[in-house]
């Protein structure tokens, strides 16, 4: 136990050894018995504790309590919905249980719609781009339309000069 640690304990817990941490209490009391500086430190803290004890303590008013309760942070609604009971799960059948196992966050309509839109966009862009994954001899992946292929590669690589050339 050092005098600095005793000062931290006295400042945090007060002058009464009964309020000090149990693990450090014997060492602090031994230092208190051996050191006049430690006793002076505890006496100063005891005078301060006496001043604090003289201050009136009032219960908080109802208005203050209401303001504090109204200002408290609200917990957000949980992202994951609680699982329904087993009876409701068994009445949905195999497909309903499978959908719930894959998407337990409520209605799967929005993610299913987003997946369908992405699929339609991919098919539409893929069919109009003029890109073929097979070369004429079916051996390597190649681009059949050179201009379209260069354009798509330039867009994918975020080439700033290519769209300007394309517009001219």
C-alpha atoms as a PDB file:
ATOM      1  CA  UNK A   1       0.000   0.000   0.000  1.00  0.00           C
ATOM      2  CA  UNK A   2       1.372   3.385  -0.993  1.00  0.00           C
ATOM      3  CA  UNK A   3       0.305   6.775   0.313  1.00  0.00           C
ATOM      4  CA  UNK A   4      -1.007   7.627  -3.189  1.00  0.00           C
ATOM      5  CA  UNK A   5      -3.216   4.527  -3.237  1.00  0.00           C
ATOM      6  CA  UNK A   6      -4.484   5.358   0.260  1.00  0.00           C
ATOM      7  CA  UNK A   7      -5.287   8.892  -0.963  1.00  0.00           C
ATOM      8  CA  UNK A   8      -7.276   7.406  -3.918  1.00  0.00           C
ATOM      9  CA  UNK A   9      -9.206   5.102  -1.577  1.00  0.00           C
ATOM     10  CA  UNK A  10      -9.999   7.903   0.905  1.00  0.00           C
ATOM     11  CA  UNK A  11     -11.074  10.280  -1.876  1.00  0.00           C
ATOM     12  CA  UNK A  12     -13.308   7.647  -3.467  1.00  0.00           C
ATOM     13  CA  UNK A  13     -14.805   5.948  -0.369  1.00  0.00           C
ATOM     14  CA  UNK A  14     -14.406   8.460   2.441  1.00  0.00           C
ATOM     15  CA  UNK A  15     -12.618   8.345   5.786  1.00  0.00           C
ATOM     16  CA  UNK A  16     -14.470   5.377   7.269  1.00  0.00           C
ATOM     17  CA  UNK A  17     -12.484   2.135   6.872  1.00  0.00           C
ATOM     18  CA  UNK A  18     -15.784   0.226   6.791  1.00  0.00           C
ATOM     19  CA  UNK A  19     -16.458   1.692   3.330  1.00  0.00           C
ATOM     20  CA  UNK A  20     -13.014   0.877   1.906  1.00  0.00           C
ATOM     21  CA  UNK A  21     -12.583  -2.126  -0.421  1.00  0.00           C
ATOM     22  CA  UNK A  22     -12.235  -5.306   1.600  1.00  0.00           C
ATOM     23  CA  UNK A  23      -9.217  -6.530  -0.354  1.00  0.00           C
ATOM     24  CA  UNK A  24      -7.220  -3.387   0.436  1.00  0.00           C
ATOM     25  CA  UNK A  25      -8.608  -2.589   3.883  1.00  0.00           C
ATOM     26  CA  UNK A  26      -5.996  -4.486   6.013  1.00  0.00           C
ATOM     27  CA  UNK A  27      -3.055  -2.911   4.168  1.00  0.00           C
ATOM     28  CA  UNK A  28      -4.629   0.551   4.359  1.00  0.00           C
ATOM     29  CA  UNK A  29      -5.298   0.186   8.100  1.00  0.00           C
ATOM     30  CA  UNK A  30      -1.699  -0.995   8.642  1.00  0.00           C
ATOM     31  CA  UNK A  31      -0.417   2.080   6.808  1.00  0.00           C
ATOM     32  CA  UNK A  32      -2.789   4.247   8.848  1.00  0.00           C
ATOM     33  CA  UNK A  33      -1.336   2.837  12.075  1.00  0.00           C
ATOM     34  CA  UNK A  34       2.275   3.296  10.918  1.00  0.00           C
ATOM     35  CA  UNK A  35       2.225   6.672   9.134  1.00  0.00           C
ATOM     36  CA  UNK A  36       1.419  10.115  10.536  1.00  0.00           C
ATOM     37  CA  UNK A  37       0.974  11.414   6.986  1.00  0.00           C
ATOM     38  CA  UNK A  38      -1.680   8.733   6.337  1.00  0.00           C
ATOM     39  CA  UNK A  39      -3.484   9.651   9.595  1.00  0.00           C
ATOM     40  CA  UNK A  40      -3.500  13.349   8.602  1.00  0.00           C
ATOM     41  CA  UNK A  41      -4.935  12.377   5.216  1.00  0.00           C
ATOM     42  CA  UNK A  42      -7.761  10.395   6.825  1.00  0.00           C
ATOM     43  CA  UNK A  43      -8.465  13.179   9.377  1.00  0.00           C
ATOM     44  CA  UNK A  44      -8.887  15.709   6.529  1.00  0.00           C
ATOM     45  CA  UNK A  45     -11.237  13.297   4.784  1.00  0.00           C
ATOM     46  CA  UNK A  46     -13.193  12.821   8.040  1.00  0.00           C
ATOM     47  CA  UNK A  47     -13.735  16.601   8.322  1.00  0.00           C
ATOM     48  CA  UNK A  48     -14.957  16.686   4.736  1.00  0.00           C
ATOM     49  CA  UNK A  49     -17.272  13.716   5.404  1.00  0.00           C
ATOM     50  CA  UNK A  50     -18.690  15.600   8.410  1.00  0.00           C
ATOM     51  CA  UNK A  51     -19.437  18.602   6.181  1.00  0.00           C
ATOM     52  CA  UNK A  52     -21.184  16.354   3.670  1.00  0.00           C
ATOM     53  CA  UNK A  53     -23.210  14.715   6.440  1.00  0.00           C
ATOM     54  CA  UNK A  54     -24.472  18.153   7.567  1.00  0.00           C
ATOM     55  CA  UNK A  55     -25.951  18.915   4.141  1.00  0.00           C
ATOM     56  CA  UNK A  56     -29.712  18.345   3.989  1.00  0.00           C
ATOM     57  CA  UNK A  57     -30.871  15.464   1.861  1.00  0.00           C
ATOM     58  CA  UNK A  58     -34.200  15.889   0.171  1.00  0.00           C
ATOM     59  CA  UNK A  59     -36.153  13.400  -1.834  1.00  0.00           C
ATOM     60  CA  UNK A  60     -36.477  14.421  -5.487  1.00  0.00           C
ATOM     61  CA  UNK A  61     -39.673  16.237  -6.357  1.00  0.00           C
ATOM     62  CA  UNK A  62     -42.354  14.608  -8.450  1.00  0.00           C
ATOM     63  CA  UNK A  63     -41.729  17.150 -11.238  1.00  0.00           C
ATOM     64  CA  UNK A  64     -38.026  16.270 -11.343  1.00  0.00           C
ATOM     65  CA  UNK A  65     -38.811  12.566 -11.394  1.00  0.00           C
ATOM     66  CA  UNK A  66     -41.266  13.051 -14.265  1.00  0.00           C
ATOM     67  CA  UNK A  67     -38.745  15.121 -16.244  1.00  0.00           C
ATOM     68  CA  UNK A  68     -36.054  12.477 -15.785  1.00  0.00           C
ATOM     69  CA  UNK A  69     -38.367   9.661 -16.782  1.00  0.00           C
ATOM     70  CA  UNK A  70     -39.534  11.593 -19.851  1.00  0.00           C
ATOM     71  CA  UNK A  71     -35.943  12.371 -20.895  1.00  0.00           C
ATOM     72  CA  UNK A  72     -34.617   8.846 -20.555  1.00  0.00           C
ATOM     73  CA  UNK A  73     -33.453   7.193 -23.772  1.00  0.00           C
ATOM     74  CA  UNK A  74     -35.942   4.809 -25.266  1.00  0.00           C
ATOM     75  CA  UNK A  75     -34.886   1.347 -26.330  1.00  0.00           C
ATOM     76  CA  UNK A  76     -35.258   0.776 -30.053  1.00  0.00           C
ATOM     77  CA  UNK A  77     -37.542  -1.970 -31.251  1.00  0.00           C
ATOM     78  CA  UNK A  78     -35.580  -5.186 -31.736  1.00  0.00           C
ATOM     79  CA  UNK A  79     -34.566  -5.979 -35.304  1.00  0.00           C
ATOM     80  CA  UNK A  80     -35.299  -9.642 -34.864  1.00  0.00           C
ATOM     81  CA  UNK A  81     -38.910 -10.488 -34.228  1.00  0.00           C
ATOM     82  CA  UNK A  82     -39.529 -13.088 -31.532  1.00  0.00           C
ATOM     83  CA  UNK A  83     -40.148 -16.540 -32.898  1.00  0.00           C
ATOM     84  CA  UNK A  84     -43.812 -17.543 -32.974  1.00  0.00           C
ATOM     85  CA  UNK A  85     -44.980 -20.541 -31.013  1.00  0.00           C
ATOM     86  CA  UNK A  86     -44.646 -24.053 -32.437  1.00  0.00           C
ATOM     87  CA  UNK A  87     -48.337 -24.438 -33.254  1.00  0.00           C
ATOM     88  CA  UNK A  88     -48.250 -21.498 -35.660  1.00  0.00           C
ATOM     89  CA  UNK A  89     -45.046 -22.814 -37.217  1.00  0.00           C
ATOM     90  CA  UNK A  90     -46.479 -26.263 -37.894  1.00  0.00           C
ATOM     91  CA  UNK A  91     -49.601 -24.881 -39.596  1.00  0.00           C
ATOM     92  CA  UNK A  92     -47.515 -23.110 -42.241  1.00  0.00           C
ATOM     93  CA  UNK A  93     -46.306 -26.327 -43.762  1.00  0.00           C
ATOM     94  CA  UNK A  94     -42.946 -27.205 -45.169  1.00  0.00           C
ATOM     95  CA  UNK A  95     -42.531 -24.180 -47.461  1.00  0.00           C
ATOM     96  CA  UNK A  96     -43.603 -21.703 -44.780  1.00  0.00           C
ATOM     97  CA  UNK A  97     -41.144 -23.203 -42.302  1.00  0.00           C
ATOM     98  CA  UNK A  98     -38.366 -23.076 -44.886  1.00  0.00           C
ATOM     99  CA  UNK A  99     -39.071 -19.406 -45.666  1.00  0.00           C
ATOM    100  CA  UNK A 100     -39.104 -18.579 -41.947  1.00  0.00           C
ATOM    101  CA  UNK A 101     -35.810 -20.415 -41.423  1.00  0.00           C
ATOM    102  CA  UNK A 102     -34.165 -18.426 -44.225  1.00  0.00           C
ATOM    103  CA  UNK A 103     -35.764 -15.028 -43.397  1.00  0.00           C
ATOM    104  CA  UNK A 104     -36.876 -14.861 -39.710  1.00  0.00           C
ATOM    105  CA  UNK A 105     -37.245 -11.041 -39.761  1.00  0.00           C
ATOM    106  CA  UNK A 106     -40.896 -10.794 -40.742  1.00  0.00           C
ATOM    107  CA  UNK A 107     -42.450 -10.773 -44.193  1.00  0.00           C
ATOM    108  CA  UNK A 108     -40.098 -12.033 -46.919  1.00  0.00           C
ATOM    109  CA  UNK A 109     -41.883  -9.954 -49.604  1.00  0.00           C
ATOM    110  CA  UNK A 110     -39.342  -7.112 -49.715  1.00  0.00           C
ATOM    111  CA  UNK A 111     -36.165  -9.247 -50.013  1.00  0.00           C
ATOM    112  CA  UNK A 112     -37.920 -11.534 -52.512  1.00  0.00           C
ATOM    113  CA  UNK A 113     -38.916  -8.516 -54.612  1.00  0.00           C
ATOM    114  CA  UNK A 114     -35.378  -7.117 -54.495  1.00  0.00           C
ATOM    115  CA  UNK A 115     -33.983 -10.497 -55.571  1.00  0.00           C
ATOM    116  CA  UNK A 116     -36.467 -10.716 -58.439  1.00  0.00           C
ATOM    117  CA  UNK A 117     -35.638  -7.168 -59.596  1.00  0.00           C
ATOM    118  CA  UNK A 118     -31.911  -7.921 -59.535  1.00  0.00           C
ATOM    119  CA  UNK A 119     -32.490 -11.098 -61.525  1.00  0.00           C
ATOM    120  CA  UNK A 120     -34.573  -9.297 -64.168  1.00  0.00           C
ATOM    121  CA  UNK A 121     -31.994  -6.488 -64.457  1.00  0.00           C
ATOM    122  CA  UNK A 122     -29.159  -9.001 -64.825  1.00  0.00           C
ATOM    123  CA  UNK A 123     -30.928 -10.964 -67.533  1.00  0.00           C
ATOM    124  CA  UNK A 124     -31.921  -7.784 -69.399  1.00  0.00           C
ATOM    125  CA  UNK A 125     -28.419  -6.306 -69.313  1.00  0.00           C
ATOM    126  CA  UNK A 126     -26.797  -9.609 -70.128  1.00  0.00           C
ATOM    127  CA  UNK A 127     -28.978 -10.224 -73.163  1.00  0.00           C
ATOM    128  CA  UNK A 128     -28.458  -6.754 -74.650  1.00  0.00           C
ATOM    129  CA  UNK A 129     -24.724  -6.299 -74.031  1.00  0.00           C
ATOM    130  CA  UNK A 130     -23.393  -8.447 -76.874  1.00  0.00           C
ATOM    131  CA  UNK A 131     -20.998 -10.285 -74.581  1.00  0.00           C
ATOM    132  CA  UNK A 132     -20.519 -13.992 -75.000  1.00  0.00           C
ATOM    133  CA  UNK A 133     -18.794 -16.194 -72.470  1.00  0.00           C
ATOM    134  CA  UNK A 134     -17.694 -18.677 -75.123  1.00  0.00           C
ATOM    135  CA  UNK A 135     -15.309 -18.032 -77.968  1.00  0.00           C
ATOM    136  CA  UNK A 136     -16.125 -19.377 -81.416  1.00  0.00           C
ATOM    137  CA  UNK A 137     -14.120 -22.529 -80.715  1.00  0.00           C
ATOM    138  CA  UNK A 138     -15.803 -22.931 -77.261  1.00  0.00           C
ATOM    139  CA  UNK A 139     -12.473 -22.958 -75.489  1.00  0.00           C
ATOM    140  CA  UNK A 140     -11.946 -19.609 -73.784  1.00  0.00           C
ATOM    141  CA  UNK A 141     -14.082 -16.803 -72.484  1.00  0.00           C
ATOM    142  CA  UNK A 142     -14.053 -13.867 -74.866  1.00  0.00           C
ATOM    143  CA  UNK A 143     -16.030 -10.800 -75.843  1.00  0.00           C
ATOM    144  CA  UNK A 144     -17.682 -11.054 -79.247  1.00  0.00           C
ATOM    145  CA  UNK A 145     -18.390  -7.371 -79.744  1.00  0.00           C
ATOM    146  CA  UNK A 146     -15.082  -5.565 -79.204  1.00  0.00           C
ATOM    147  CA  UNK A 147     -16.506  -2.063 -78.843  1.00  0.00           C
ATOM    148  CA  UNK A 148     -19.198  -3.115 -76.368  1.00  0.00           C
ATOM    149  CA  UNK A 149     -16.693  -5.179 -74.433  1.00  0.00           C
ATOM    150  CA  UNK A 150     -14.226  -2.316 -74.161  1.00  0.00           C
ATOM    151  CA  UNK A 151     -17.022  -0.032 -73.058  1.00  0.00           C
ATOM    152  CA  UNK A 152     -18.208  -2.391 -70.339  1.00  0.00           C
ATOM    153  CA  UNK A 153     -14.662  -2.936 -69.122  1.00  0.00           C
ATOM    154  CA  UNK A 154     -14.051   0.808 -69.042  1.00  0.00           C
ATOM    155  CA  UNK A 155     -17.239   1.342 -67.062  1.00  0.00           C
ATOM    156  CA  UNK A 156     -16.358  -1.465 -64.667  1.00  0.00           C
ATOM    157  CA  UNK A 157     -12.886  -0.008 -64.115  1.00  0.00           C
ATOM    158  CA  UNK A 158     -14.366   3.505 -63.662  1.00  0.00           C
ATOM    159  CA  UNK A 159     -12.367   4.849 -66.599  1.00  0.00           C
ATOM    160  CA  UNK A 160     -13.089   8.562 -66.810  1.00  0.00           C
ATOM    161  CA  UNK A 161     -11.705   9.071 -70.321  1.00  0.00           C
ATOM    162  CA  UNK A 162     -13.707   6.373 -72.107  1.00  0.00           C
ATOM    163  CA  UNK A 163     -17.203   7.900 -71.754  1.00  0.00           C
ATOM    164  CA  UNK A 164     -15.845  11.172 -73.183  1.00  0.00           C
ATOM    165  CA  UNK A 165     -14.448   9.319 -76.203  1.00  0.00           C
ATOM    166  CA  UNK A 166     -17.702   7.457 -76.596  1.00  0.00           C
ATOM    167  CA  UNK A 167     -19.780  10.661 -76.643  1.00  0.00           C
ATOM    168  CA  UNK A 168     -17.692  12.208 -79.484  1.00  0.00           C
END
